[in-house]
N, C-alpha and C. Protein backbone atom coordinates (compact mmCIF):
# COMPACT_ATOMS: atom_id res chain seq x y z
N MET A 1 0.85 -1.20 0.00
CA MET A 1 0.00 0.00 0.00
C MET A 1 0.88 1.25 0.00
N SER A 2 0.46 2.26 -0.73
CA SER A 2 1.22 3.50 -0.84
C SER A 2 0.63 4.57 0.08
N TYR A 3 1.51 5.33 0.73
CA TYR A 3 1.09 6.40 1.65
C TYR A 3 1.63 7.74 1.15
N SER A 4 0.86 8.80 1.35
CA SER A 4 1.18 10.08 0.73
C SER A 4 1.72 11.14 1.69
N PHE A 5 2.04 10.76 2.94
CA PHE A 5 2.45 11.74 3.94
C PHE A 5 3.66 12.56 3.48
N PHE A 6 4.73 11.91 3.11
CA PHE A 6 5.96 12.64 2.78
C PHE A 6 5.87 13.35 1.44
N ALA A 7 5.14 12.78 0.51
CA ALA A 7 4.92 13.48 -0.77
C ALA A 7 4.13 14.76 -0.54
N THR A 8 3.17 14.70 0.40
CA THR A 8 2.40 15.89 0.74
C THR A 8 3.28 16.92 1.43
N LEU A 9 4.12 16.48 2.37
CA LEU A 9 5.02 17.40 3.05
C LEU A 9 6.00 18.06 2.09
N SER A 10 6.34 17.37 1.03
CA SER A 10 7.29 17.95 0.06
C SER A 10 6.71 19.18 -0.62
N ARG A 11 5.41 19.39 -0.48
CA ARG A 11 4.76 20.56 -1.09
C ARG A 11 4.88 21.82 -0.21
N MET A 12 5.56 21.69 0.92
CA MET A 12 5.78 22.88 1.75
C MET A 12 6.49 23.99 0.98
N LYS A 13 7.30 23.59 0.02
CA LYS A 13 8.05 24.58 -0.75
C LYS A 13 7.15 25.42 -1.65
N TYR A 14 5.90 25.00 -1.83
CA TYR A 14 4.97 25.77 -2.66
C TYR A 14 4.10 26.74 -1.85
N ILE A 15 4.21 26.68 -0.52
CA ILE A 15 3.39 27.55 0.32
C ILE A 15 4.18 28.82 0.64
N ASP A 16 3.74 29.93 0.08
CA ASP A 16 4.41 31.21 0.34
C ASP A 16 3.88 31.83 1.62
N ARG A 17 4.79 32.43 2.39
CA ARG A 17 4.42 33.14 3.60
C ARG A 17 4.26 34.63 3.31
N TRP A 18 3.70 35.35 4.29
CA TRP A 18 3.55 36.80 4.20
C TRP A 18 2.73 37.22 2.98
N ALA A 19 1.63 36.53 2.78
CA ALA A 19 0.84 36.72 1.56
C ALA A 19 0.25 38.13 1.43
N LEU A 20 0.00 38.80 2.55
CA LEU A 20 -0.61 40.13 2.49
C LEU A 20 0.42 41.24 2.30
N MET A 21 1.71 40.87 2.26
CA MET A 21 2.77 41.86 2.22
C MET A 21 3.50 41.83 0.88
N ARG A 22 4.00 43.01 0.49
CA ARG A 22 4.89 43.07 -0.68
C ARG A 22 6.27 42.62 -0.21
N ASN A 23 6.81 41.59 -0.85
CA ASN A 23 8.09 41.00 -0.45
C ASN A 23 9.20 41.36 -1.44
N ALA A 24 10.35 41.76 -0.91
CA ALA A 24 11.52 41.92 -1.77
C ALA A 24 12.00 40.54 -2.24
N ARG A 25 11.85 39.55 -1.36
CA ARG A 25 12.17 38.16 -1.69
C ARG A 25 11.11 37.27 -1.05
N GLU A 26 10.50 36.43 -1.84
CA GLU A 26 9.47 35.52 -1.32
C GLU A 26 10.11 34.51 -0.38
N GLU A 27 9.37 34.12 0.65
CA GLU A 27 9.81 33.09 1.59
C GLU A 27 8.79 31.97 1.60
N ASN A 28 9.25 30.74 1.40
CA ASN A 28 8.29 29.63 1.43
C ASN A 28 8.36 28.89 2.76
N LEU A 29 7.41 28.01 2.95
CA LEU A 29 7.25 27.32 4.23
C LEU A 29 8.43 26.40 4.54
N SER A 30 9.02 25.80 3.52
CA SER A 30 10.19 24.94 3.74
C SER A 30 11.35 25.73 4.32
N GLU A 31 11.61 26.89 3.76
CA GLU A 31 12.71 27.73 4.24
C GLU A 31 12.46 28.16 5.69
N HIS A 32 11.26 28.60 5.95
CA HIS A 32 10.91 29.05 7.29
C HIS A 32 11.05 27.91 8.30
N SER A 33 10.56 26.73 7.96
CA SER A 33 10.59 25.60 8.89
C SER A 33 12.01 25.18 9.21
N LEU A 34 12.90 25.21 8.22
CA LEU A 34 14.30 24.89 8.47
C LEU A 34 14.91 25.89 9.44
N GLU A 35 14.64 27.17 9.24
CA GLU A 35 15.19 28.19 10.12
C GLU A 35 14.66 28.04 11.55
N VAL A 36 13.36 27.77 11.68
CA VAL A 36 12.77 27.56 13.00
C VAL A 36 13.42 26.36 13.69
N ALA A 37 13.64 25.29 12.95
CA ALA A 37 14.27 24.09 13.52
C ALA A 37 15.66 24.40 14.05
N MET A 38 16.45 25.15 13.28
CA MET A 38 17.82 25.47 13.71
C MET A 38 17.82 26.37 14.94
N ILE A 39 16.93 27.38 14.95
CA ILE A 39 16.89 28.30 16.08
C ILE A 39 16.36 27.60 17.33
N ALA A 40 15.34 26.76 17.17
CA ALA A 40 14.79 26.02 18.31
C ALA A 40 15.86 25.13 18.93
N HIS A 41 16.65 24.47 18.09
CA HIS A 41 17.75 23.63 18.58
C HIS A 41 18.75 24.49 19.36
N ALA A 42 19.07 25.67 18.84
CA ALA A 42 20.02 26.57 19.51
C ALA A 42 19.48 27.04 20.85
N LEU A 43 18.20 27.40 20.91
CA LEU A 43 17.62 27.87 22.17
C LEU A 43 17.67 26.79 23.24
N CYS A 44 17.36 25.56 22.87
CA CYS A 44 17.43 24.46 23.84
C CYS A 44 18.87 24.19 24.28
N THR A 45 19.79 24.29 23.34
CA THR A 45 21.20 24.09 23.66
C THR A 45 21.68 25.15 24.66
N ILE A 46 21.26 26.39 24.44
CA ILE A 46 21.59 27.47 25.37
C ILE A 46 20.99 27.18 26.75
N GLY A 47 19.74 26.74 26.76
CA GLY A 47 19.08 26.43 28.02
C GLY A 47 19.79 25.35 28.81
N ASN A 48 20.25 24.33 28.08
CA ASN A 48 20.96 23.23 28.75
C ASN A 48 22.33 23.67 29.26
N ALA A 49 23.04 24.45 28.44
CA ALA A 49 24.41 24.83 28.77
C ALA A 49 24.48 25.90 29.86
N ARG A 50 23.49 26.79 29.89
CA ARG A 50 23.61 27.96 30.77
C ARG A 50 22.59 28.02 31.91
N TYR A 51 21.45 27.35 31.74
CA TYR A 51 20.38 27.53 32.72
C TYR A 51 19.93 26.24 33.38
N GLY A 52 20.77 25.22 33.30
CA GLY A 52 20.50 23.98 34.02
C GLY A 52 19.28 23.23 33.52
N LYS A 53 18.90 23.46 32.28
CA LYS A 53 17.74 22.75 31.72
C LYS A 53 18.15 21.36 31.25
N ASN A 54 17.15 20.53 31.04
CA ASN A 54 17.38 19.19 30.48
C ASN A 54 16.43 19.03 29.30
N LEU A 55 16.69 19.79 28.27
CA LEU A 55 15.80 19.86 27.11
C LEU A 55 16.34 19.02 25.97
N HIS A 56 15.44 18.41 25.21
CA HIS A 56 15.83 17.59 24.07
C HIS A 56 15.91 18.50 22.84
N ALA A 57 17.11 19.01 22.59
CA ALA A 57 17.30 19.96 21.50
C ALA A 57 16.96 19.35 20.13
N GLU A 58 17.31 18.07 19.95
CA GLU A 58 17.03 17.43 18.67
C GLU A 58 15.53 17.30 18.43
N ARG A 59 14.80 17.01 19.51
CA ARG A 59 13.33 16.93 19.38
C ARG A 59 12.76 18.31 19.07
N ALA A 60 13.31 19.34 19.68
CA ALA A 60 12.85 20.70 19.38
C ALA A 60 13.04 21.02 17.91
N ALA A 61 14.18 20.60 17.36
CA ALA A 61 14.43 20.82 15.93
C ALA A 61 13.40 20.09 15.08
N LEU A 62 13.07 18.86 15.50
CA LEU A 62 12.09 18.06 14.77
C LEU A 62 10.71 18.73 14.81
N ILE A 63 10.31 19.19 15.98
CA ILE A 63 9.02 19.88 16.11
C ILE A 63 9.03 21.15 15.26
N GLY A 64 10.17 21.85 15.24
CA GLY A 64 10.29 23.03 14.40
C GLY A 64 10.09 22.72 12.93
N LEU A 65 10.63 21.60 12.48
CA LEU A 65 10.48 21.22 11.07
C LEU A 65 9.01 20.99 10.69
N TYR A 66 8.24 20.47 11.64
CA TYR A 66 6.86 20.10 11.35
C TYR A 66 5.84 21.12 11.87
N HIS A 67 6.29 22.20 12.50
CA HIS A 67 5.36 23.04 13.26
C HIS A 67 4.27 23.70 12.41
N ASP A 68 4.53 23.92 11.14
CA ASP A 68 3.54 24.53 10.26
C ASP A 68 3.08 23.60 9.15
N ALA A 69 3.28 22.31 9.33
CA ALA A 69 2.96 21.35 8.27
C ALA A 69 1.49 21.41 7.85
N SER A 70 0.62 21.73 8.79
CA SER A 70 -0.81 21.79 8.47
C SER A 70 -1.13 22.85 7.41
N GLU A 71 -0.23 23.82 7.24
CA GLU A 71 -0.48 24.89 6.27
C GLU A 71 -0.41 24.41 4.83
N ILE A 72 0.10 23.20 4.62
CA ILE A 72 0.02 22.59 3.28
C ILE A 72 -1.44 22.47 2.87
N ILE A 73 -2.30 22.21 3.86
CA ILE A 73 -3.74 22.05 3.60
C ILE A 73 -4.49 23.36 3.80
N THR A 74 -4.14 24.10 4.86
CA THR A 74 -4.91 25.31 5.19
C THR A 74 -4.41 26.56 4.48
N GLY A 75 -3.15 26.51 4.02
CA GLY A 75 -2.50 27.73 3.55
C GLY A 75 -2.00 28.53 4.74
N ASP A 76 -1.21 29.55 4.47
CA ASP A 76 -0.66 30.39 5.54
C ASP A 76 -1.64 31.52 5.84
N MET A 77 -2.31 31.42 6.98
CA MET A 77 -3.22 32.50 7.36
C MET A 77 -2.42 33.62 8.02
N PRO A 78 -2.52 34.84 7.53
CA PRO A 78 -1.75 35.95 8.11
C PRO A 78 -2.05 36.14 9.59
N THR A 79 -1.00 36.43 10.36
CA THR A 79 -1.12 36.59 11.81
C THR A 79 -2.17 37.61 12.22
N PRO A 80 -2.25 38.79 11.57
CA PRO A 80 -3.28 39.75 12.00
C PRO A 80 -4.70 39.22 11.88
N VAL A 81 -4.91 38.33 10.90
CA VAL A 81 -6.24 37.73 10.73
C VAL A 81 -6.44 36.62 11.76
N LYS A 82 -5.43 35.78 11.90
CA LYS A 82 -5.51 34.61 12.78
C LYS A 82 -5.82 35.01 14.23
N TYR A 83 -5.23 36.12 14.66
CA TYR A 83 -5.37 36.53 16.06
C TYR A 83 -6.25 37.76 16.23
N TYR A 84 -7.09 38.05 15.24
CA TYR A 84 -7.90 39.27 15.29
C TYR A 84 -8.88 39.25 16.47
N THR A 85 -9.52 38.11 16.69
CA THR A 85 -10.39 37.93 17.86
C THR A 85 -10.12 36.55 18.46
N SER A 86 -10.57 36.37 19.70
CA SER A 86 -10.38 35.07 20.34
C SER A 86 -11.18 33.98 19.61
N ASP A 87 -12.33 34.36 19.05
CA ASP A 87 -13.14 33.40 18.30
C ASP A 87 -12.40 32.92 17.05
N LEU A 88 -11.78 33.87 16.33
CA LEU A 88 -11.02 33.51 15.13
C LEU A 88 -9.84 32.62 15.49
N ARG A 89 -9.18 32.98 16.58
CA ARG A 89 -8.02 32.20 17.02
C ARG A 89 -8.43 30.77 17.35
N HIS A 90 -9.55 30.62 18.06
CA HIS A 90 -10.04 29.29 18.42
C HIS A 90 -10.46 28.51 17.18
N ALA A 91 -11.14 29.19 16.25
CA ALA A 91 -11.58 28.53 15.02
C ALA A 91 -10.39 28.05 14.21
N TYR A 92 -9.34 28.89 14.14
CA TYR A 92 -8.17 28.48 13.38
C TYR A 92 -7.49 27.28 14.02
N LYS A 93 -7.44 27.25 15.35
CA LYS A 93 -6.85 26.11 16.04
C LYS A 93 -7.59 24.81 15.69
N GLU A 94 -8.91 24.91 15.58
CA GLU A 94 -9.71 23.73 15.22
C GLU A 94 -9.41 23.30 13.79
N VAL A 95 -9.31 24.26 12.89
CA VAL A 95 -8.99 23.95 11.48
C VAL A 95 -7.61 23.31 11.40
N GLU A 96 -6.67 23.85 12.16
CA GLU A 96 -5.31 23.33 12.19
C GLU A 96 -5.29 21.88 12.68
N ALA A 97 -6.06 21.60 13.72
CA ALA A 97 -6.13 20.24 14.27
C ALA A 97 -6.70 19.26 13.26
N VAL A 98 -7.73 19.70 12.53
CA VAL A 98 -8.33 18.84 11.50
C VAL A 98 -7.31 18.57 10.40
N ALA A 99 -6.56 19.60 10.00
CA ALA A 99 -5.55 19.43 8.95
C ALA A 99 -4.44 18.48 9.40
N GLU A 100 -4.01 18.61 10.65
CA GLU A 100 -2.98 17.72 11.18
C GLU A 100 -3.47 16.28 11.22
N ASP A 101 -4.73 16.09 11.61
CA ASP A 101 -5.30 14.75 11.62
C ASP A 101 -5.35 14.16 10.22
N GLN A 102 -5.67 15.01 9.25
CA GLN A 102 -5.70 14.56 7.85
C GLN A 102 -4.31 14.11 7.40
N LEU A 103 -3.29 14.87 7.80
CA LEU A 103 -1.92 14.48 7.46
C LEU A 103 -1.54 13.16 8.12
N LEU A 104 -1.90 12.99 9.39
CA LEU A 104 -1.55 11.77 10.10
C LEU A 104 -2.19 10.54 9.47
N ARG A 105 -3.38 10.72 8.91
CA ARG A 105 -4.06 9.58 8.27
C ARG A 105 -3.39 9.18 6.96
N MET A 106 -2.40 9.95 6.53
CA MET A 106 -1.62 9.61 5.34
C MET A 106 -0.42 8.72 5.68
N LEU A 107 -0.33 8.30 6.95
CA LEU A 107 0.77 7.46 7.41
C LEU A 107 0.28 6.05 7.73
N PRO A 108 1.17 5.04 7.67
CA PRO A 108 0.80 3.71 8.16
C PRO A 108 0.46 3.79 9.65
N GLU A 109 -0.49 3.02 10.07
CA GLU A 109 -0.99 3.11 11.44
C GLU A 109 0.08 2.82 12.48
N ASP A 110 1.04 1.92 12.15
CA ASP A 110 2.01 1.52 13.15
C ASP A 110 3.05 2.59 13.47
N ILE A 111 3.19 3.62 12.63
CA ILE A 111 4.13 4.70 12.94
C ILE A 111 3.41 6.04 13.16
N ARG A 112 2.10 6.03 13.06
CA ARG A 112 1.31 7.26 13.16
C ARG A 112 1.49 7.95 14.51
N GLY A 113 1.58 7.15 15.58
CA GLY A 113 1.69 7.73 16.92
C GLY A 113 2.94 8.57 17.11
N THR A 114 4.03 8.17 16.48
CA THR A 114 5.28 8.93 16.59
C THR A 114 5.09 10.33 16.05
N TYR A 115 4.43 10.45 14.90
CA TYR A 115 4.23 11.76 14.29
C TYR A 115 3.14 12.56 15.00
N ALA A 116 2.16 11.86 15.56
CA ALA A 116 1.13 12.55 16.34
C ALA A 116 1.75 13.26 17.52
N SER A 117 2.77 12.65 18.14
CA SER A 117 3.42 13.26 19.30
C SER A 117 4.28 14.46 18.91
N ILE A 118 4.63 14.58 17.63
CA ILE A 118 5.35 15.76 17.15
C ILE A 118 4.38 16.92 16.99
N PHE A 119 3.21 16.64 16.44
CA PHE A 119 2.21 17.68 16.21
C PHE A 119 1.56 18.17 17.51
N SER A 120 1.36 17.27 18.45
CA SER A 120 0.56 17.59 19.64
C SER A 120 1.39 17.54 20.92
N ALA A 121 1.06 18.46 21.85
CA ALA A 121 1.72 18.48 23.16
C ALA A 121 0.93 17.68 24.19
N GLU A 122 -0.08 16.96 23.76
CA GLU A 122 -0.92 16.21 24.69
C GLU A 122 -0.08 15.22 25.50
N GLY A 123 -0.23 15.27 26.82
CA GLY A 123 0.51 14.36 27.69
C GLY A 123 1.96 14.77 27.93
N ALA A 124 2.35 15.96 27.45
CA ALA A 124 3.74 16.39 27.58
C ALA A 124 4.06 16.74 29.03
N ASP A 125 5.29 16.45 29.44
CA ASP A 125 5.72 16.83 30.79
C ASP A 125 6.20 18.29 30.80
N GLU A 126 6.61 18.75 31.96
CA GLU A 126 7.00 20.16 32.12
C GLU A 126 8.16 20.53 31.22
N ASN A 127 9.13 19.61 31.08
CA ASN A 127 10.29 19.87 30.22
C ASN A 127 9.88 20.08 28.77
N GLU A 128 9.00 19.19 28.29
CA GLU A 128 8.58 19.30 26.89
C GLU A 128 7.75 20.55 26.67
N LEU A 129 6.92 20.91 27.62
CA LEU A 129 6.11 22.12 27.48
C LEU A 129 7.00 23.36 27.39
N TYR A 130 8.06 23.38 28.21
CA TYR A 130 9.01 24.49 28.15
C TYR A 130 9.72 24.50 26.79
N MET A 131 10.13 23.31 26.35
CA MET A 131 10.80 23.20 25.05
C MET A 131 9.91 23.69 23.91
N ARG A 132 8.61 23.38 23.99
CA ARG A 132 7.69 23.82 22.95
C ARG A 132 7.50 25.35 22.98
N LYS A 133 7.64 25.95 24.16
CA LYS A 133 7.63 27.42 24.22
C LYS A 133 8.83 27.99 23.46
N LEU A 134 9.95 27.31 23.56
CA LEU A 134 11.14 27.75 22.83
C LEU A 134 10.95 27.58 21.32
N VAL A 135 10.24 26.54 20.91
CA VAL A 135 9.95 26.39 19.48
C VAL A 135 9.07 27.54 19.00
N LYS A 136 8.07 27.93 19.80
CA LYS A 136 7.24 29.08 19.45
C LYS A 136 8.08 30.36 19.37
N ALA A 137 9.02 30.50 20.30
CA ALA A 137 9.91 31.66 20.27
C ALA A 137 10.78 31.63 19.02
N ALA A 138 11.25 30.45 18.63
CA ALA A 138 12.04 30.31 17.41
C ALA A 138 11.24 30.73 16.19
N ASP A 139 9.96 30.39 16.19
CA ASP A 139 9.05 30.79 15.11
C ASP A 139 8.99 32.32 15.01
N LYS A 140 8.86 32.97 16.16
CA LYS A 140 8.82 34.44 16.20
C LYS A 140 10.16 35.04 15.77
N LEU A 141 11.26 34.44 16.22
CA LEU A 141 12.58 34.94 15.84
C LEU A 141 12.79 34.83 14.33
N SER A 142 12.33 33.74 13.74
CA SER A 142 12.42 33.59 12.29
C SER A 142 11.63 34.68 11.58
N ALA A 143 10.45 34.99 12.12
CA ALA A 143 9.64 36.07 11.54
C ALA A 143 10.36 37.41 11.65
N LEU A 144 10.99 37.65 12.80
CA LEU A 144 11.73 38.91 12.99
C LEU A 144 12.89 39.00 12.01
N ILE A 145 13.60 37.90 11.81
CA ILE A 145 14.72 37.88 10.87
C ILE A 145 14.23 38.22 9.46
N LYS A 146 13.09 37.67 9.08
CA LYS A 146 12.50 37.99 7.77
C LYS A 146 12.22 39.49 7.67
N CYS A 147 11.64 40.08 8.72
CA CYS A 147 11.35 41.51 8.71
C CYS A 147 12.63 42.33 8.57
N MET A 148 13.67 41.92 9.28
CA MET A 148 14.96 42.62 9.22
C MET A 148 15.56 42.54 7.82
N GLU A 149 15.47 41.35 7.22
CA GLU A 149 16.01 41.17 5.86
C GLU A 149 15.28 42.03 4.85
N GLU A 150 13.95 42.12 4.99
CA GLU A 150 13.18 42.95 4.07
C GLU A 150 13.56 44.42 4.23
N LYS A 151 13.75 44.86 5.47
CA LYS A 151 14.15 46.24 5.71
C LYS A 151 15.53 46.53 5.12
N GLU A 152 16.44 45.57 5.27
CA GLU A 152 17.78 45.71 4.70
C GLU A 152 17.73 45.83 3.18
N ALA A 153 16.71 45.19 2.58
CA ALA A 153 16.55 45.25 1.13
C ALA A 153 15.84 46.52 0.68
N GLY A 154 15.54 47.41 1.64
CA GLY A 154 14.90 48.68 1.31
C GLY A 154 13.39 48.62 1.26
N ASN A 155 12.82 47.52 1.73
CA ASN A 155 11.37 47.35 1.71
C ASN A 155 10.78 47.76 3.07
N LEU A 156 10.07 48.88 3.10
CA LEU A 156 9.51 49.37 4.35
C LEU A 156 8.15 48.75 4.68
N GLU A 157 7.69 47.86 3.84
CA GLU A 157 6.41 47.19 4.03
C GLU A 157 6.35 46.43 5.36
N PHE A 158 7.52 46.00 5.84
CA PHE A 158 7.58 45.14 7.02
C PHE A 158 7.88 45.92 8.31
N ARG A 159 7.89 47.24 8.25
CA ARG A 159 8.35 48.00 9.42
C ARG A 159 7.43 47.82 10.63
N THR A 160 6.10 47.81 10.43
CA THR A 160 5.21 47.62 11.59
C THR A 160 5.23 46.17 12.06
N ALA A 161 5.38 45.24 11.12
CA ALA A 161 5.49 43.82 11.50
C ALA A 161 6.75 43.60 12.33
N GLU A 162 7.83 44.28 11.98
CA GLU A 162 9.06 44.15 12.75
C GLU A 162 8.87 44.65 14.18
N LEU A 163 8.23 45.80 14.31
CA LEU A 163 8.02 46.38 15.64
C LEU A 163 7.17 45.46 16.52
N SER A 164 6.06 44.97 15.98
CA SER A 164 5.16 44.13 16.78
C SER A 164 5.79 42.78 17.09
N THR A 165 6.55 42.24 16.14
CA THR A 165 7.21 40.95 16.37
C THR A 165 8.31 41.09 17.41
N ARG A 166 9.07 42.15 17.33
CA ARG A 166 10.14 42.39 18.30
C ARG A 166 9.55 42.57 19.71
N GLU A 167 8.43 43.28 19.79
CA GLU A 167 7.77 43.47 21.08
C GLU A 167 7.31 42.14 21.66
N SER A 168 6.75 41.28 20.80
CA SER A 168 6.29 39.97 21.24
C SER A 168 7.45 39.11 21.74
N ILE A 169 8.58 39.18 21.04
CA ILE A 169 9.76 38.40 21.44
C ILE A 169 10.32 38.91 22.75
N GLU A 170 10.34 40.22 22.92
CA GLU A 170 10.86 40.79 24.16
C GLU A 170 10.02 40.36 25.36
N LYS A 171 8.72 40.23 25.17
CA LYS A 171 7.86 39.70 26.24
C LYS A 171 8.22 38.25 26.54
N MET A 172 8.42 37.46 25.50
CA MET A 172 8.80 36.06 25.68
C MET A 172 10.12 35.94 26.44
N SER A 173 11.05 36.85 26.15
CA SER A 173 12.39 36.75 26.73
C SER A 173 12.39 36.97 28.24
N ARG A 174 11.32 37.58 28.77
CA ARG A 174 11.24 37.75 30.22
C ARG A 174 11.06 36.42 30.93
N GLU A 175 10.42 35.49 30.24
CA GLU A 175 10.19 34.15 30.80
C GLU A 175 11.23 33.16 30.30
N LEU A 176 11.79 33.44 29.11
CA LEU A 176 12.70 32.51 28.45
C LEU A 176 14.06 33.19 28.25
N PRO A 177 14.99 33.03 29.18
CA PRO A 177 16.28 33.72 29.05
C PRO A 177 17.08 33.28 27.83
N GLU A 178 16.79 32.08 27.33
CA GLU A 178 17.46 31.60 26.12
C GLU A 178 17.20 32.53 24.94
N VAL A 179 15.97 33.05 24.90
CA VAL A 179 15.58 33.96 23.81
C VAL A 179 16.36 35.27 23.91
N ARG A 180 16.47 35.78 25.13
CA ARG A 180 17.24 37.01 25.35
C ARG A 180 18.69 36.82 24.89
N ASP A 181 19.29 35.69 25.25
CA ASP A 181 20.68 35.44 24.88
C ASP A 181 20.83 35.37 23.36
N PHE A 182 19.90 34.71 22.69
CA PHE A 182 19.97 34.60 21.23
C PHE A 182 19.90 35.99 20.59
N MET A 183 19.00 36.81 21.11
CA MET A 183 18.84 38.16 20.54
C MET A 183 20.10 39.00 20.73
N ILE A 184 20.75 38.86 21.87
CA ILE A 184 21.96 39.64 22.14
C ILE A 184 23.15 39.13 21.33
N GLU A 185 23.30 37.80 21.27
CA GLU A 185 24.52 37.22 20.73
C GLU A 185 24.47 36.86 19.25
N PHE A 186 23.29 36.55 18.73
CA PHE A 186 23.21 36.06 17.36
C PHE A 186 22.45 36.98 16.40
N LEU A 187 21.43 37.65 16.91
CA LEU A 187 20.59 38.46 16.02
C LEU A 187 21.34 39.59 15.33
N PRO A 188 22.29 40.28 15.99
CA PRO A 188 22.95 41.41 15.32
C PRO A 188 23.69 41.05 14.03
N SER A 189 24.09 39.80 13.86
CA SER A 189 24.85 39.41 12.67
C SER A 189 23.97 39.25 11.42
N TYR A 190 22.68 39.10 11.63
CA TYR A 190 21.79 38.96 10.47
C TYR A 190 21.80 40.26 9.68
N GLY A 191 21.89 40.14 8.37
CA GLY A 191 21.98 41.33 7.52
C GLY A 191 23.40 41.66 7.12
N ASN A 192 24.40 41.04 7.76
CA ASN A 192 25.78 41.26 7.37
C ASN A 192 26.08 40.55 6.05
N THR A 193 27.07 41.04 5.33
CA THR A 193 27.51 40.38 4.11
C THR A 193 28.28 39.12 4.46
N LEU A 194 28.49 38.25 3.47
CA LEU A 194 29.24 37.02 3.71
C LEU A 194 30.67 37.34 4.17
N ASP A 195 31.29 38.34 3.55
CA ASP A 195 32.65 38.73 3.96
C ASP A 195 32.67 39.17 5.42
N GLU A 196 31.66 39.93 5.83
CA GLU A 196 31.59 40.38 7.22
C GLU A 196 31.39 39.20 8.17
N LEU A 197 30.53 38.26 7.77
CA LEU A 197 30.26 37.10 8.62
C LEU A 197 31.50 36.23 8.77
N ILE A 198 32.21 36.00 7.67
CA ILE A 198 33.41 35.18 7.73
C ILE A 198 34.50 35.89 8.52
N GLY A 199 34.59 37.21 8.34
CA GLY A 199 35.57 37.98 9.09
C GLY A 199 35.35 37.89 10.57
N LYS A 200 34.03 37.92 10.99
CA LYS A 200 33.71 37.80 12.41
C LYS A 200 34.13 36.45 12.96
N SER A 201 33.88 35.38 12.16
CA SER A 201 34.19 34.05 12.65
C SER A 201 35.71 33.85 12.76
N GLU A 202 36.47 34.51 11.87
CA GLU A 202 37.92 34.37 11.90
C GLU A 202 38.53 35.18 13.03
N GLY A 203 37.85 36.30 13.38
CA GLY A 203 38.36 37.15 14.46
C GLY A 203 38.11 36.53 15.80
């Protein structure tokens, strides 16, 4: 029997983000998910190394890779629409859950549970819940990086999105020191040229 889960996931590259905005460079869901996975892994690594956490960084990266997979079916709903009212937010969560269930049914039953645990935090312990907060923060950081890149390209379309996203991340950083550290130590290098980045690493 043939299953379509991974063939469906391969279509992430066709889902464009920031649909309501004029983009200097389009960003697709595959690119975003990879960036979220890398940042989520880094945040957990920082937490383990500096704050006495016992977080599964590799699992955080995996959750980051799949965190928006449902958008293959739903499309990317813009944040201002998604969170416009509590009713809309709740309705979108329900649509997202239905889409995730549809994806899971594209898998053989004997491995379905493994992927269900990636999509859902149901039954998660305190460590995993904290780790999933870091994945959400990584998602926001990726959005902020996109806003910064657009501004660097001379596109002012993202200026209010940058302000609101930065404000949201700063609130997160009060609870999540890993986020604060990432913003101080890694965020300033975004937007540098390759020569500047290599020069920094050599220095």
